[in-house]
Amino acid sequence: FHILAGKAVNDTLRTSLSSRDTQVEMVRQETAGYECFSGEIMESGSH
């Protein structure tokens, strides 16, 4: 899962060279979403 997600982020970063500000902001939001999602999985797994 993490490898696939990383590839998707890399593809988005590559595309961001054409419209950088918008794409970078999207990547930032997606990355924050991944971190939040991973955190929830870890917390639920530890209970």
C-alpha atoms as a PDB file:
ATOM      1  CA  PHE A   1       0.000   0.000   0.000  1.00  0.00           C
ATOM      2  CA  HIS A   2       2.697   2.482   0.991  1.00  0.00           C
ATOM      3  CA  ILE A   3       4.712   1.777  -2.173  1.00  0.00           C
ATOM      4  CA  LEU A   4       1.671   2.366  -4.404  1.00  0.00           C
ATOM      5  CA  ALA A   5       0.773   5.547  -2.522  1.00  0.00           C
ATOM      6  CA  GLY A   6       4.356   6.768  -2.854  1.00  0.00           C
ATOM      7  CA  LYS A   7       4.277   6.155  -6.599  1.00  0.00           C
ATOM      8  CA  ALA A   8       1.034   8.127  -6.912  1.00  0.00           C
ATOM      9  CA  VAL A   9       2.592  11.038  -5.015  1.00  0.00           C
ATOM     10  CA  ASN A  10       5.698  10.884  -7.211  1.00  0.00           C
ATOM     11  CA  ASP A  11       3.546  10.963 -10.354  1.00  0.00           C
ATOM     12  CA  THR A  12       1.677  13.982  -8.989  1.00  0.00           C
ATOM     13  CA  LEU A  13       4.950  15.729  -8.151  1.00  0.00           C
ATOM     14  CA  ARG A  14       6.184  15.096 -11.679  1.00  0.00           C
ATOM     15  CA  THR A  15       3.022  16.650 -13.124  1.00  0.00           C
ATOM     16  CA  SER A  16       3.353  19.602 -10.741  1.00  0.00           C
ATOM     17  CA  LEU A  17       6.216  21.055 -12.781  1.00  0.00           C
ATOM     18  CA  SER A  18       3.643  22.440 -15.246  1.00  0.00           C
ATOM     19  CA  SER A  19       1.243  23.964 -12.693  1.00  0.00           C
ATOM     20  CA  ARG A  20       3.336  23.938  -9.578  1.00  0.00           C
ATOM     21  CA  ASP A  21       1.434  25.932  -6.936  1.00  0.00           C
ATOM     22  CA  THR A  22      -1.874  24.126  -7.407  1.00  0.00           C
ATOM     23  CA  GLN A  23      -0.312  20.677  -7.648  1.00  0.00           C
ATOM     24  CA  VAL A  24       1.979  21.160  -4.654  1.00  0.00           C
ATOM     25  CA  GLU A  25      -0.997  22.203  -2.532  1.00  0.00           C
ATOM     26  CA  MET A  26      -2.898  19.109  -3.670  1.00  0.00           C
ATOM     27  CA  VAL A  27       0.071  16.892  -2.806  1.00  0.00           C
ATOM     28  CA  ARG A  28       0.316  18.542   0.598  1.00  0.00           C
ATOM     29  CA  GLN A  29      -3.344  17.811   1.331  1.00  0.00           C
ATOM     30  CA  GLU A  30      -3.049  14.224   0.049  1.00  0.00           C
ATOM     31  CA  THR A  31       0.073  13.606   2.141  1.00  0.00           C
ATOM     32  CA  ALA A  32      -1.675  14.937   5.255  1.00  0.00           C
ATOM     33  CA  GLY A  33      -4.570  12.601   4.476  1.00  0.00           C
ATOM     34  CA  TYR A  34      -2.239   9.599   4.173  1.00  0.00           C
ATOM     35  CA  GLU A  35      -0.563  10.415   7.499  1.00  0.00           C
ATOM     36  CA  CYS A  36      -3.919  10.832   9.247  1.00  0.00           C
ATOM     37  CA  PHE A  37      -5.193   7.572   7.713  1.00  0.00           C
ATOM     38  CA  SER A  38      -2.052   5.674   8.770  1.00  0.00           C
ATOM     39  CA  GLY A  39      -2.315   7.116  12.283  1.00  0.00           C
ATOM     40  CA  GLU A  40      -5.907   5.928  12.610  1.00  0.00           C
ATOM     41  CA  ILE A  41      -4.924   2.423  11.494  1.00  0.00           C
ATOM     42  CA  MET A  42      -2.094   2.292  14.047  1.00  0.00           C
ATOM     43  CA  GLU A  43      -4.331   3.528  16.866  1.00  0.00           C
ATOM     44  CA  SER A  44      -7.143   1.082  16.080  1.00  0.00           C
ATOM     45  CA  GLY A  45      -4.601  -1.735  15.768  1.00  0.00           C
ATOM     46  CA  SER A  46      -3.103  -1.052  19.201  1.00  0.00           C
ATOM     47  CA  HIS A  47      -6.409  -1.230  21.096  1.00  0.00           C
END
